[in-house]
Structure formats: C-alpha cells, structure tokens
Amino acid sequence: MNRINILKLTADNVSLFSHNHFELDFTNKIQVTNYNFDHPFYNVFSRLFLPKYIAFNGVNSSGKTTIVEMISFFIFYHINLLSIESRECIKILDKFHIGKDMIFTMYFELKGKIYKVITTIGTPSEKYDVLGLGFPFEVKNEEVYIKDINSRTPRKLLFEEDFKLVHSYATLNEKEQRLIKGKNTSLLLITGFASTFGTSLCEMNTQNDQVDAFGYLNAKNLPIIQYLDPSIRTIKDSARKIERKNETIITKTLIVEFENNTKYELSPQELYSILSSGTKRALKILNDVRKVLRLGGYYLIDELELSLNRSIVNDIINLFESNKTNPYNATLIFTTHYVELVDSFDRNDQIFFVHRDHDYGIEITNYSDVDRKNQLKKSESFFADTHNLGTAIEYKKYLNMRDSFTLSED
C-alpha cells in the first residue's frame, strides 16, 4: 500500500506558538535497535524510522489541543484533500491567522523519495467564488519539491539541499490555475499527483466532539461491546413492526442478553441510554481506530484517556504497535494529562512535552532532547519539572488557589 509518511511539519506566521513558528519532527531521534515488525517505530528507509504512536503531555492550557489542530490541518488539506474553503480548514486557519500570509511546509516520504510542499495561505485580494460571497482565506502559492534519498543520505541533510521543484502555480496552465484558485485545494490533487497516495486518511476525535455511537450498536460490533461492557452476553440484530393506520413501519431493534440471564428487545437508542459515558466514547474510538488501521492512516485524538480505564488506553496503543493489527503502519497521535501513561513507553522520542515560553507562546520539546538515556521515570520528571520546561503547576499558584478556599471572618 502506497502511503504518505509524514516526516516533518513547520508553519510560520501563525499565532499562539512561540515566535509565531510551529515545528514538529516525527523522525526517530534515538537509534533503533532490535527492530522487528512489532517495534513501536516502523522503518521508512535505511536508518530512518517513524513512530506508530506519539504522545503530547502538558499541564492544562499548555497548548496540547492547539498542536493537534495544527497537525490536523496538514492532514486534512494534503492527505484528505479538503479545500481550505471547507468548514474544518476555515476553523483551524482562523485560529492561527495573525494578519500575515501563513506558510505551511510538509516533508513526507513516498516510494523512496522525499517531498517538500510549501503552501502560502492568506486573505484573498478579491472575491473569487462564483456567488460573490468570498471566503476568509485563499491559497496564494504552492510549490512541490522532490529529493532522491538512499542509505548514504546524511540525517542532518534530510530536509536540506538537493530538492528539485516539480510542481508550482507557475508551472500550471491557465485552466489548472483557475481550478486551484477556485477550489483552493492542494496541488497534490490538482496535478493528479495524489493518485499515487493510496488510501491514507486522517480521523480526528476531539474532546468537544459529541459522542454518538448509535451506528456502532449492532451484532457485528459484539466483540468490542463485550470488551467494554462485560455485563452484555450477546446481541442479535432484529426488527420491530409497528402498525399505523394503513401502513406498517419496521424499526431496527436489538435482542440483548445480559450475563444475569435477562433478555430484552431494545432500540439502539434504548441500549445507548444505559451504556456508561466511557463505553460510548470507547465504542466510537475503537471503530475509528479499526478504520484507520485498515487503511494505514493517521488518527488524531485529544485527551485519549478521557472517561477511559487505563488498561483500555494501553490496549488501544497496543493495536497500533502490533503488526498483526497494524500491518500498514497507521499512526496514533494523541494528547494526555495522564503522564503515568507514558511511563510504559520504551523510548523517549515518542513523547513530546508541551509548555510555554516567557511570552506564553507554545513550545514543543521532544523528551529525548532532555533525557536520551531514559534514566528518569517520565512521570516523576514531568511532575517535578526536572528539565525546567514548566510541566508542573507552580507552588505559589497552588497556594493562592488554596487560600481562596479559606473561610475568613467578616
């Protein structure tokens, strides 16, 4: 299966990030040894590896959700090939726009070559849609570069030198320029270049999404439902006839048998109403994960652990690590407040600490940059702010909060 393997993302002139610059390098920082197909990294070429899962840790309001949104824009636009006029893209771009043209750069590997796509997005100089309504953003320029790589390519030069321009606005004919100007879609689609990308996709699940698992409540999903709710023994698809005047209405029902030997015929809505919030959320997540694993895509999720037992979170991560369930090297990208979760990670270069600079701009630090030897327990390092990254709540602020609860005599 042909798949875009994202290597590095950068964005300039974007709000919220330190110095209005975002940068995220996915490649391994530590040498991979004892490699096998169940390793947490997969091999791209030679000594270059990419992670099957990545965790972003940080205190509240450190910027974790913002990072997921930034990554999702690249994948929505270049892999899912959504127009920047789409609701998803407009919402993200509006958050990062500071009045200047934004420059987004994505490096990726495909079929033994490295590609660099530079996209400049800003406010339109004129209304260009046929209805004359205008859109808040337009693609002002885009260039696609290519570079051959081999086992002798130095890692430090991976993203530098020897890139050759293969597509740009300047090389498009007049018809193609009108098409991309009107659609505001990635050049990877307009040039027909995207036909080589296979079936990569991005699914994004945020804590603000309304969890609706009605569609997953069926006999086909019984193994997942039993895993999440052991009280359910069997589920069989059924139907209920309702006679109304001169018509017969057939509605979907489920015959649900519980471990206490009780059996009920329930509508999906009725079964949904008795499931716990954690079961509902995990049901949606696991079905999303199954789709991504089958297609070798990217799955972005904010606060993976929300409403879930730690063992379920670990099992989700293991689905991505195992070659049996993840043969196409799908990638899980998640944020978490549960720092103890990453204590089980064997490698430090799959963990990113999210923190703020002195001007409250978001910064991202790969944990291997501050602890390459994996000598410290990650959660202890985080809570003690061992590396002075602002990963612990300041004690003075805690005291101020506590004092606000102290009853005072009037």
Protein backbone atom coordinates (compact mmCIF):
# COMPACT_ATOMS: atom_id res chain seq x y z
CA MET A 1 0.00 0.00 0.00
CA ASN A 2 1.35 3.39 -1.01
CA ARG A 3 1.25 5.78 1.91
CA ILE A 4 2.43 9.27 2.68
CA ASN A 5 4.86 9.02 5.60
CA ILE A 6 4.95 12.43 7.23
CA LEU A 7 8.48 13.31 8.34
CA LYS A 8 8.28 16.92 9.45
CA LEU A 9 5.81 19.82 9.65
CA THR A 10 6.51 23.54 10.01
CA ALA A 11 4.32 26.65 9.98
CA ASP A 12 5.35 30.31 10.07
CA ASN A 13 3.41 33.49 10.82
CA VAL A 14 0.94 31.58 12.96
CA SER A 15 -0.49 32.72 16.27
CA LEU A 16 -0.22 31.03 19.68
CA PHE A 17 3.17 29.38 19.04
CA SER A 18 6.49 30.72 20.28
CA HIS A 19 7.87 33.32 17.85
CA ASN A 20 4.85 32.56 15.62
CA HIS A 21 6.61 29.39 14.49
CA PHE A 22 5.46 25.75 14.71
CA GLU A 23 7.81 22.83 14.07
CA LEU A 24 7.36 19.11 14.63
CA ASP A 25 9.86 16.43 13.54
CA PHE A 26 8.40 12.90 13.58
CA THR A 27 11.62 11.01 12.76
CA ASN A 28 13.47 8.90 15.32
CA LYS A 29 15.97 10.81 17.45
CA ILE A 30 17.50 7.71 19.00
CA GLN A 31 18.99 4.77 17.12
CA VAL A 32 16.55 1.90 16.63
CA THR A 33 17.93 -1.47 17.76
CA ASN A 34 16.39 -4.94 17.91
CA TYR A 35 13.95 -3.92 15.19
CA ASN A 36 11.03 -6.18 14.37
CA PHE A 37 7.55 -5.60 12.97
CA ASP A 38 6.07 -5.19 16.48
CA HIS A 39 8.51 -2.39 17.30
CA PRO A 40 6.91 0.97 18.28
CA PHE A 41 8.67 2.50 15.24
CA TYR A 42 8.48 1.37 11.62
CA ASN A 43 11.25 1.56 9.07
CA VAL A 44 11.00 4.10 6.23
CA PHE A 45 14.42 3.51 4.71
CA SER A 46 17.90 2.68 5.93
CA ARG A 47 18.22 4.09 9.48
CA LEU A 48 15.18 6.36 9.24
CA PHE A 49 12.20 5.29 11.35
CA LEU A 50 8.82 6.79 12.20
CA PRO A 51 6.67 6.19 15.30
CA LYS A 52 3.43 4.22 15.25
CA TYR A 53 2.16 6.37 18.11
CA ILE A 54 3.06 9.77 19.59
CA ALA A 55 2.01 11.31 22.91
CA PHE A 56 1.84 15.00 23.79
CA ASN A 57 1.96 15.75 27.53
CA GLY A 58 1.48 19.06 29.26
CA VAL A 59 -0.34 20.84 32.07
CA ASN A 60 -3.76 22.39 31.48
CA SER A 61 -3.69 25.23 28.93
CA SER A 62 -0.20 24.31 27.75
CA GLY A 63 -1.38 24.06 24.12
CA LYS A 64 -1.87 20.33 23.50
CA THR A 65 -5.21 20.70 21.72
CA THR A 66 -3.79 23.52 19.60
CA ILE A 67 -0.99 21.22 18.41
CA VAL A 68 -3.48 18.51 17.40
CA GLU A 69 -5.43 21.13 15.44
CA MET A 70 -2.29 22.28 13.63
CA ILE A 71 -1.33 18.72 12.67
CA SER A 72 -4.87 18.03 11.54
CA PHE A 73 -4.78 20.95 9.10
CA PHE A 74 -1.81 19.47 7.25
CA ILE A 75 -3.51 16.07 7.02
CA PHE A 76 -6.95 17.42 6.15
CA TYR A 77 -5.52 19.59 3.39
CA HIS A 78 -2.77 17.42 1.89
CA ILE A 79 -3.94 13.85 2.61
CA ASN A 80 -7.72 14.04 2.92
CA LEU A 81 -7.51 16.72 0.18
CA LEU A 82 -10.07 19.04 1.73
CA SER A 83 -10.35 22.53 0.29
CA ILE A 84 -9.34 25.37 2.58
CA GLU A 85 -12.91 26.57 1.98
CA SER A 86 -14.11 23.54 3.97
CA ARG A 87 -15.53 24.15 7.41
CA GLU A 88 -12.76 22.08 9.01
CA CYS A 89 -9.93 24.06 7.42
CA ILE A 90 -11.50 27.50 7.87
CA LYS A 91 -11.98 26.89 11.58
CA ILE A 92 -8.31 25.95 12.05
CA LEU A 93 -6.87 28.69 9.82
CA ASP A 94 -8.97 31.33 11.54
CA LYS A 95 -7.46 30.32 14.87
CA PHE A 96 -3.88 30.73 13.64
CA HIS A 97 -4.19 33.77 11.38
CA ILE A 98 -2.39 36.92 12.60
CA GLY A 99 -2.95 39.13 9.57
CA LYS A 100 0.08 37.90 7.62
CA ASP A 101 0.37 35.21 4.97
CA MET A 102 0.80 31.86 6.71
CA ILE A 103 3.44 29.49 5.32
CA PHE A 104 2.92 25.76 5.84
CA THR A 105 5.65 23.25 4.93
CA MET A 106 5.23 19.48 4.94
CA TYR A 107 8.02 16.97 4.34
CA PHE A 108 6.98 13.42 3.58
CA GLU A 109 8.37 10.19 2.16
CA LEU A 110 6.71 8.22 -0.63
CA LYS A 111 8.20 5.35 -2.60
CA GLY A 112 11.77 6.06 -1.56
CA LYS A 113 11.69 9.79 -2.29
CA ILE A 114 11.29 12.81 -0.03
CA TYR A 115 8.80 15.52 -0.96
CA LYS A 116 8.54 19.06 0.34
CA VAL A 117 5.32 21.02 -0.13
CA ILE A 118 5.31 24.74 0.71
CA THR A 119 1.88 26.36 0.88
CA THR A 120 1.26 30.08 1.37
CA ILE A 121 -2.22 30.96 2.64
CA GLY A 122 -3.61 34.42 3.27
CA THR A 123 -6.68 36.56 2.95
CA PRO A 124 -7.97 36.91 -0.61
CA SER A 125 -7.29 40.07 -2.57
CA GLU A 126 -10.70 39.75 -4.23
CA LYS A 127 -13.88 37.71 -4.06
CA TYR A 128 -13.30 34.80 -6.36
CA ASP A 129 -16.19 32.39 -5.79
CA VAL A 130 -18.97 32.31 -8.32
CA LEU A 131 -21.61 33.56 -5.88
CA GLY A 132 -19.51 36.57 -4.97
CA LEU A 133 -19.68 35.76 -1.27
CA GLY A 134 -15.95 35.47 -0.74
CA PHE A 135 -14.03 33.21 1.65
CA PRO A 136 -11.74 34.22 4.50
CA PHE A 137 -8.65 32.51 3.06
CA GLU A 138 -7.06 31.52 -0.24
CA VAL A 139 -4.00 29.59 -1.34
CA LYS A 140 -1.70 32.29 -2.70
CA ASN A 141 1.10 29.97 -3.77
CA GLU A 142 2.12 26.35 -3.51
CA GLU A 143 5.26 24.51 -4.58
CA VAL A 144 6.07 20.79 -4.58
CA TYR A 145 9.72 19.68 -4.44
CA ILE A 146 11.25 16.20 -4.68
CA LYS A 147 14.53 14.71 -3.50
CA ASP A 148 16.11 11.30 -4.07
CA ILE A 149 17.41 9.55 -0.99
CA ASN A 150 19.48 6.47 -0.31
CA SER A 151 21.27 4.76 2.56
CA ARG A 152 24.14 7.24 2.29
CA THR A 153 21.95 10.33 2.72
CA PRO A 154 23.08 12.04 5.97
CA ARG A 155 20.31 12.55 8.51
CA LYS A 156 21.34 16.16 9.10
CA LEU A 157 20.78 16.92 5.40
CA LEU A 158 17.47 15.09 5.16
CA PHE A 159 15.44 18.30 4.97
CA GLU A 160 18.08 20.43 3.25
CA GLU A 161 19.70 20.74 -0.18
CA ASP A 162 19.11 18.92 -3.46
CA PHE A 163 15.32 19.44 -3.63
CA LYS A 164 14.03 19.83 -7.18
CA LEU A 165 10.89 21.81 -7.99
CA VAL A 166 8.35 19.59 -9.77
CA HIS A 167 5.04 21.47 -9.43
CA SER A 168 4.03 25.03 -8.63
CA TYR A 169 1.43 27.63 -9.51
CA ALA A 170 3.88 28.96 -12.11
CA THR A 171 4.02 25.61 -13.93
CA LEU A 172 0.24 25.15 -14.16
CA ASN A 173 -1.60 26.06 -17.33
CA GLU A 174 -4.32 28.69 -17.26
CA LYS A 175 -7.14 26.17 -16.82
CA GLU A 176 -5.38 24.44 -13.91
CA GLN A 177 -4.64 27.78 -12.25
CA ARG A 178 -8.31 28.76 -12.42
CA LEU A 179 -9.28 25.39 -10.99
CA ILE A 180 -6.97 25.54 -7.98
CA LYS A 181 -7.75 29.22 -7.41
CA GLY A 182 -11.45 28.48 -7.30
CA LYS A 183 -11.18 25.26 -5.30
CA ASN A 184 -8.26 26.23 -3.01
CA THR A 185 -7.18 22.63 -2.93
CA SER A 186 -3.72 21.09 -2.52
CA LEU A 187 -1.60 20.87 -5.67
CA LEU A 188 -1.26 17.20 -4.80
CA LEU A 189 -4.82 16.81 -6.07
CA ILE A 190 -4.94 19.35 -8.90
CA THR A 191 -1.90 17.89 -10.69
CA GLY A 192 -3.18 14.32 -10.41
CA PHE A 193 -0.16 13.65 -8.19
CA ALA A 194 -2.38 12.44 -5.35
CA SER A 195 -3.42 9.32 -7.27
CA THR A 196 -0.23 7.64 -6.04
CA PHE A 197 -1.05 8.18 -2.38
CA GLY A 198 -3.19 5.10 -1.89
CA THR A 199 -5.83 5.30 0.83
CA SER A 200 -4.19 7.32 3.59
CA LEU A 201 -6.65 9.28 5.69
CA CYS A 202 -6.97 11.24 8.87
CA GLU A 203 -9.60 10.77 11.52
CA MET A 204 -9.77 13.39 14.27
CA ASN A 205 -11.55 12.90 17.57
CA THR A 206 -11.56 15.83 19.99
CA GLN A 207 -12.92 16.13 23.49
CA ASN A 208 -15.50 18.57 22.14
CA ASP A 209 -16.99 16.08 19.68
CA GLN A 210 -20.45 14.85 20.52
CA VAL A 211 -20.09 11.12 21.02
CA ASP A 212 -22.83 9.33 19.11
CA ALA A 213 -22.38 5.57 18.99
CA PHE A 214 -25.86 4.64 17.70
CA GLY A 215 -24.42 3.37 14.43
CA TYR A 216 -21.98 1.05 16.22
CA LEU A 217 -24.62 -0.75 18.28
CA ASN A 218 -25.11 -3.95 16.30
CA ALA A 219 -24.24 -7.64 16.37
CA LYS A 220 -21.16 -7.04 14.20
CA ASN A 221 -19.61 -4.99 17.00
CA LEU A 222 -20.37 -7.54 19.72
CA PRO A 223 -16.68 -8.33 20.48
CA ILE A 224 -15.98 -4.62 21.09
CA ILE A 225 -19.19 -4.10 23.10
CA GLN A 226 -18.47 -7.18 25.28
CA TYR A 227 -14.90 -5.95 25.85
CA LEU A 228 -16.19 -2.58 27.06
CA ASP A 229 -19.25 -3.85 28.98
CA PRO A 230 -18.79 -7.40 30.36
CA SER A 231 -22.43 -7.48 31.54
CA ILE A 232 -23.58 -7.99 27.94
CA ARG A 233 -23.50 -11.62 26.78
CA THR A 234 -24.97 -11.46 23.27
CA ILE A 235 -26.54 -9.01 20.84
CA LYS A 236 -28.63 -10.03 17.86
CA ASP A 237 -29.97 -7.72 15.19
CA SER A 238 -33.74 -7.74 14.96
CA ALA A 239 -36.67 -5.59 13.87
CA ARG A 240 -39.99 -4.45 15.29
CA LYS A 241 -43.19 -3.94 13.29
CA ILE A 242 -45.41 -1.04 14.17
CA GLU A 243 -48.85 -0.88 12.61
CA ARG A 244 -50.11 2.66 11.96
CA LYS A 245 -53.42 3.10 10.14
CA ASN A 246 -52.75 1.96 6.59
CA GLU A 247 -49.01 1.41 6.88
CA THR A 248 -46.51 -0.85 8.58
CA ILE A 249 -43.34 0.70 9.94
CA ILE A 250 -40.33 -1.54 10.55
CA THR A 251 -37.76 -0.24 13.03
CA LYS A 252 -34.37 -1.68 13.91
CA THR A 253 -34.09 -3.35 17.30
CA LEU A 254 -31.52 -5.39 19.19
CA ILE A 255 -32.09 -8.57 21.21
CA VAL A 256 -29.74 -8.04 24.12
CA GLU A 257 -28.96 -10.85 26.56
CA PHE A 258 -27.13 -9.98 29.76
CA GLU A 259 -24.91 -12.18 31.94
CA ASN A 260 -27.64 -12.33 34.61
CA ASN A 261 -29.74 -14.29 32.06
CA THR A 262 -32.17 -11.43 31.40
CA LYS A 263 -33.06 -10.68 27.81
CA TYR A 264 -34.62 -7.56 26.29
CA GLU A 265 -35.58 -6.25 22.90
CA LEU A 266 -34.21 -2.71 22.78
CA SER A 267 -33.90 0.01 20.19
CA PRO A 268 -30.32 1.25 19.60
CA GLN A 269 -31.33 4.45 21.42
CA GLU A 270 -32.54 2.48 24.45
CA LEU A 271 -29.34 0.43 24.63
CA TYR A 272 -27.28 3.58 24.15
CA SER A 273 -29.03 5.23 27.09
CA ILE A 274 -27.92 2.53 29.54
CA LEU A 275 -24.27 2.44 28.47
CA SER A 276 -21.70 4.37 30.50
CA SER A 277 -20.12 7.51 29.08
CA GLY A 278 -16.76 5.71 28.90
CA THR A 279 -18.27 2.81 26.96
CA LYS A 280 -19.91 5.19 24.49
CA ARG A 281 -16.68 7.07 23.89
CA ALA A 282 -14.54 3.94 23.63
CA LEU A 283 -17.03 2.39 21.21
CA LYS A 284 -16.60 5.30 18.83
CA ILE A 285 -12.81 5.44 19.28
CA LEU A 286 -12.33 1.71 18.63
CA ASN A 287 -14.45 1.83 15.48
CA ASP A 288 -12.49 4.88 14.26
CA VAL A 289 -9.24 3.04 15.05
CA ARG A 290 -10.35 -0.05 13.14
CA LYS A 291 -10.99 2.05 10.03
CA VAL A 292 -7.63 3.84 10.30
CA LEU A 293 -5.72 0.58 10.87
CA ARG A 294 -7.26 -0.98 7.77
CA LEU A 295 -6.26 1.99 5.61
CA GLY A 296 -2.90 2.90 7.11
CA GLY A 297 -3.91 6.42 8.02
CA TYR A 298 -3.46 8.89 10.87
CA TYR A 299 -5.67 9.05 13.94
CA LEU A 300 -5.59 12.25 16.00
CA ILE A 301 -7.32 12.31 19.35
CA ASP A 302 -7.36 14.88 22.13
CA GLU A 303 -7.24 13.52 25.68
CA LEU A 304 -7.19 9.84 24.81
CA GLU A 305 -7.69 8.82 28.42
CA LEU A 306 -10.89 10.84 28.95
CA SER A 307 -13.55 8.59 30.59
CA LEU A 308 -11.44 5.50 29.85
CA ASN A 309 -9.79 2.92 32.07
CA ARG A 310 -6.01 2.92 31.79
CA SER A 311 -5.99 -0.69 30.53
CA ILE A 312 -8.27 0.29 27.64
CA VAL A 313 -5.93 3.14 26.70
CA ASN A 314 -2.97 0.76 26.75
CA ASP A 315 -4.88 -1.73 24.60
CA ILE A 316 -5.61 1.00 22.02
CA ILE A 317 -1.91 1.87 21.89
CA ASN A 318 -1.03 -1.81 21.51
CA LEU A 319 -3.36 -2.08 18.50
CA PHE A 320 -1.09 0.41 16.74
CA GLU A 321 2.14 -1.21 17.90
CA SER A 322 1.32 -4.76 16.80
CA ASN A 323 1.97 -5.67 13.18
CA LYS A 324 -0.90 -8.15 13.35
CA THR A 325 -3.46 -5.38 13.87
CA ASN A 326 -1.48 -2.59 12.19
CA PRO A 327 0.14 -4.04 9.05
CA TYR A 328 0.04 -0.71 7.16
CA ASN A 329 1.78 1.36 9.87
CA ALA A 330 -1.13 3.59 10.78
CA THR A 331 -0.17 6.32 13.24
CA LEU A 332 -1.84 7.33 16.51
CA ILE A 333 -1.27 10.93 17.62
CA PHE A 334 -2.78 11.79 20.98
CA THR A 335 -2.66 14.18 23.90
CA THR A 336 -2.96 13.15 27.51
CA HIS A 337 -2.99 14.59 31.02
CA TYR A 338 -2.25 11.13 32.37
CA VAL A 339 1.54 11.37 32.34
CA GLU A 340 1.94 7.97 34.03
CA LEU A 341 0.64 6.51 30.78
CA VAL A 342 3.94 7.19 29.02
CA ASP A 343 5.98 5.52 31.75
CA SER A 344 5.34 2.30 29.83
CA PHE A 345 6.90 3.73 26.64
CA ASP A 346 10.26 2.09 25.97
CA ARG A 347 11.54 5.08 24.01
CA ASN A 348 11.69 8.78 24.83
CA ASP A 349 11.46 10.05 21.25
CA GLN A 350 7.74 9.21 21.03
CA ILE A 351 6.96 11.68 23.80
CA PHE A 352 6.64 15.44 23.42
CA PHE A 353 6.35 17.82 26.36
CA VAL A 354 4.19 20.86 25.62
CA HIS A 355 4.99 24.02 27.54
CA ARG A 356 5.02 27.83 27.28
CA ASP A 357 7.84 30.33 26.81
CA HIS A 358 8.14 33.60 28.76
CA ASP A 359 5.70 35.30 26.37
CA TYR A 360 3.25 32.41 26.80
CA GLY A 361 3.90 31.06 23.30
CA ILE A 362 3.55 27.32 22.82
CA GLU A 363 6.76 25.30 22.61
CA ILE A 364 7.26 21.59 21.91
CA THR A 365 10.19 19.61 23.31
CA ASN A 366 10.92 16.03 22.33
CA TYR A 367 11.62 14.21 25.59
CA SER A 368 14.72 12.57 24.09
CA ASP A 369 16.28 16.04 23.72
CA VAL A 370 16.40 16.39 27.51
CA ASP A 371 16.78 12.74 28.52
CA ARG A 372 18.30 10.47 25.87
CA LYS A 373 19.30 7.66 28.22
CA ASN A 374 15.83 7.04 29.66
CA GLN A 375 17.23 7.11 33.18
CA LEU A 376 14.41 9.03 34.87
CA LYS A 377 10.84 7.88 35.34
CA LYS A 378 8.97 10.07 32.89
CA SER A 379 6.04 10.96 35.13
CA GLU A 380 8.33 11.90 38.02
CA SER A 381 10.40 14.07 35.68
CA PHE A 382 7.23 15.74 34.46
CA PHE A 383 5.68 16.47 37.85
CA ALA A 384 8.98 17.62 39.36
CA ASP A 385 9.68 19.79 36.29
CA THR A 386 13.17 18.29 36.30
CA HIS A 387 14.08 19.90 32.98
CA ASN A 388 12.62 23.35 33.74
CA LEU A 389 10.01 23.16 31.00
CA GLY A 390 7.10 24.37 33.10
CA THR A 391 5.49 20.94 33.25
CA ALA A 392 4.41 21.32 36.87
CA ILE A 393 1.96 23.76 38.41
CA GLU A 394 3.84 26.49 40.26
CA TYR A 395 3.62 26.00 44.03
CA LYS A 396 2.89 29.69 44.58
CA LYS A 397 -0.15 29.48 42.30
CA TYR A 398 -1.33 26.40 44.17
CA LEU A 399 -1.07 28.30 47.47
CA ASN A 400 -3.03 31.22 46.03
CA MET A 401 -5.74 28.85 44.82
CA ARG A 402 -5.87 27.08 48.19
CA ASP A 403 -6.08 30.35 50.09
CA SER A 404 -9.09 31.36 48.01
CA PHE A 405 -10.97 28.49 49.71
CA THR A 406 -10.05 29.63 53.20
CA LEU A 407 -13.05 30.89 55.12
CA SER A 408 -12.47 34.34 56.55
CA GLU A 409 -14.33 36.01 59.37
CA ASP A 410 -16.27 39.12 58.37
